[in-house]
Amino acid sequence: MDIPSAIEFARTNHRAVLGTFRRDGLPQLTPVTVGVDHSGAIIISSRQTAAKVKNLARDPRISLCLLNDGFFGQFAQLEGTATIVELPEAMDGLVEYYRSISGEHPDWDDYRDAMVRDQRVLIKVDPSRAGPTYSG
């Protein structure tokens, strides 16, 4: 699977396991929901205080295992680097994140208030490798 195919897979399969690296070099694995923005970037919403965000601030390398709703079957893996976008700059991206996964929100003002209250950030993935390249 190539990078464009993995990103296309993420447009309709929003479940993933995110891998970041702890200070000791061991992986930190977290279930996340992924979206795809207008530029084709994989995007993830998180709290600024989350371990994954602290890990990425220190070491931007990232791995994602994108899963289908049934868990077994087709999946995709992406590796690359991440950029953390903080509020207020992240707000438009957080709105796009929601829309890419769930469509229109019933109260965008309430959503925006929740993003500030929850100290949300947007994680943007710049992929450098995709897989699997074979089926085993």
Protein backbone atom coordinates (compact mmCIF):
# COMPACT_ATOMS: atom_id res chain seq x y z
CA MET A 1 0.00 0.00 0.00
CA ASP A 2 1.31 3.45 -0.86
CA ILE A 3 0.80 6.68 1.10
CA PRO A 4 -2.11 8.02 -1.01
CA SER A 5 -3.93 4.68 -0.65
CA ALA A 6 -3.42 4.69 3.13
CA ILE A 7 -4.76 8.25 3.36
CA GLU A 8 -7.76 7.27 1.23
CA PHE A 9 -8.35 4.32 3.59
CA ALA A 10 -8.39 6.81 6.52
CA ARG A 11 -11.15 8.87 4.87
CA THR A 12 -13.66 6.11 5.64
CA ASN A 13 -11.91 4.19 8.44
CA HIS A 14 -11.42 6.48 11.42
CA ARG A 15 -10.18 4.04 14.06
CA ALA A 16 -6.45 3.77 14.64
CA VAL A 17 -3.74 2.94 17.13
CA LEU A 18 -1.21 5.73 17.46
CA GLY A 19 2.39 4.97 18.38
CA THR A 20 4.67 7.62 19.89
CA PHE A 21 7.91 7.23 21.81
CA ARG A 22 8.31 7.65 25.56
CA ARG A 23 11.38 9.31 27.01
CA ASP A 24 12.95 5.86 27.59
CA GLY A 25 12.46 4.96 23.89
CA LEU A 26 9.66 2.45 24.45
CA PRO A 27 6.41 2.87 22.50
CA GLN A 28 3.33 4.60 23.88
CA LEU A 29 0.27 3.14 22.10
CA THR A 30 -3.06 4.94 22.16
CA PRO A 31 -6.39 4.29 20.41
CA VAL A 32 -7.40 7.41 18.47
CA THR A 33 -9.90 8.64 15.92
CA VAL A 34 -8.36 10.00 12.71
CA GLY A 35 -9.67 12.31 10.04
CA VAL A 36 -8.33 13.65 6.76
CA ASP A 37 -8.20 17.39 6.10
CA HIS A 38 -8.69 19.29 2.82
CA SER A 39 -4.98 18.97 1.97
CA GLY A 40 -5.04 15.20 2.45
CA ALA A 41 -3.22 15.24 5.78
CA ILE A 42 -4.14 12.78 8.51
CA ILE A 43 -5.36 14.75 11.53
CA ILE A 44 -6.00 13.76 15.15
CA SER A 45 -7.52 15.74 18.02
CA SER A 46 -6.01 15.41 21.49
CA ARG A 47 -5.77 17.18 24.81
CA GLN A 48 -2.64 19.29 25.23
CA THR A 49 -1.89 17.46 28.51
CA ALA A 50 -2.01 13.94 26.99
CA ALA A 51 1.08 11.72 27.07
CA LYS A 52 1.02 11.34 23.27
CA VAL A 53 1.24 15.11 22.83
CA LYS A 54 4.13 15.40 25.30
CA ASN A 55 5.89 12.52 23.53
CA LEU A 56 5.42 14.13 20.11
CA ALA A 57 6.66 17.50 21.36
CA ARG A 58 9.90 15.77 22.36
CA ASP A 59 10.13 13.31 19.44
CA PRO A 60 7.83 13.95 16.42
CA ARG A 61 8.15 10.42 14.99
CA ILE A 62 4.75 8.77 14.71
CA SER A 63 3.25 5.44 13.65
CA LEU A 64 -0.40 4.77 12.94
CA CYS A 65 -2.17 1.47 12.43
CA LEU A 66 -5.45 2.37 10.71
CA LEU A 67 -8.19 -0.20 11.31
CA ASN A 68 -11.51 -0.96 9.67
CA ASP A 69 -14.66 -1.09 11.78
CA GLY A 70 -14.56 -4.90 11.90
CA PHE A 71 -10.97 -4.90 13.23
CA PHE A 72 -9.89 -7.91 11.15
CA GLY A 73 -9.38 -7.55 7.41
CA GLN A 74 -8.00 -4.57 5.56
CA PHE A 75 -5.79 -2.15 7.49
CA ALA A 76 -3.08 0.38 6.75
CA GLN A 77 0.04 1.53 8.52
CA LEU A 78 1.58 4.98 8.22
CA GLU A 79 4.87 6.21 9.62
CA GLY A 80 6.18 9.75 9.57
CA THR A 81 6.42 12.88 11.66
CA ALA A 82 3.81 14.92 13.45
CA THR A 83 3.23 18.61 13.96
CA ILE A 84 1.25 19.81 16.98
CA VAL A 85 -0.99 22.81 16.28
CA GLU A 86 -2.18 24.57 19.43
CA LEU A 87 -5.13 26.88 20.00
CA PRO A 88 -6.09 29.39 18.78
CA GLU A 89 -4.43 28.39 15.48
CA ALA A 90 -5.84 24.85 15.75
CA MET A 91 -9.53 25.85 15.87
CA ASP A 92 -10.27 25.74 12.12
CA GLY A 93 -8.45 22.41 11.87
CA LEU A 94 -10.40 21.00 14.82
CA VAL A 95 -13.65 21.99 13.08
CA GLU A 96 -12.42 20.32 9.88
CA TYR A 97 -11.43 17.24 11.92
CA TYR A 98 -14.98 16.92 13.29
CA ARG A 99 -16.55 17.46 9.87
CA SER A 100 -14.31 14.87 8.22
CA ILE A 101 -15.50 12.22 10.66
CA SER A 102 -19.03 13.18 11.76
CA GLY A 103 -20.35 15.85 9.40
CA GLU A 104 -22.00 18.97 10.77
CA HIS A 105 -22.15 19.66 14.50
CA PRO A 106 -25.54 20.75 15.91
CA ASP A 107 -23.93 23.70 17.79
CA TRP A 108 -20.57 24.93 16.51
CA ASP A 109 -20.27 27.58 19.23
CA ASP A 110 -20.61 24.86 21.87
CA TYR A 111 -18.05 22.70 20.03
CA ARG A 112 -15.55 25.57 19.88
CA ASP A 113 -16.07 26.32 23.58
CA ALA A 114 -15.42 22.64 24.38
CA MET A 115 -12.19 22.68 22.37
CA VAL A 116 -10.91 25.61 24.46
CA ARG A 117 -12.17 24.15 27.75
CA ASP A 118 -10.56 20.76 26.99
CA GLN A 119 -7.28 22.37 25.86
CA ARG A 120 -7.44 20.58 22.51
CA VAL A 121 -4.64 20.49 19.99
CA LEU A 122 -4.54 19.19 16.43
CA ILE A 123 -1.92 16.61 15.49
CA LYS A 124 -1.06 16.68 11.76
CA VAL A 125 0.76 13.69 10.32
CA ASP A 126 3.33 14.04 7.54
CA PRO A 127 3.68 10.43 6.35
CA SER A 128 6.95 9.12 4.95
CA ARG A 129 6.08 5.42 4.62
CA ALA A 130 2.96 3.27 4.28
CA GLY A 131 2.18 -0.41 4.43
CA PRO A 132 1.54 -3.22 4.40
CA THR A 133 3.37 -3.91 1.17
CA TYR A 134 2.42 -7.59 1.13
CA SER A 135 -0.18 -9.90 2.63
CA GLY A 136 0.99 -12.74 4.75
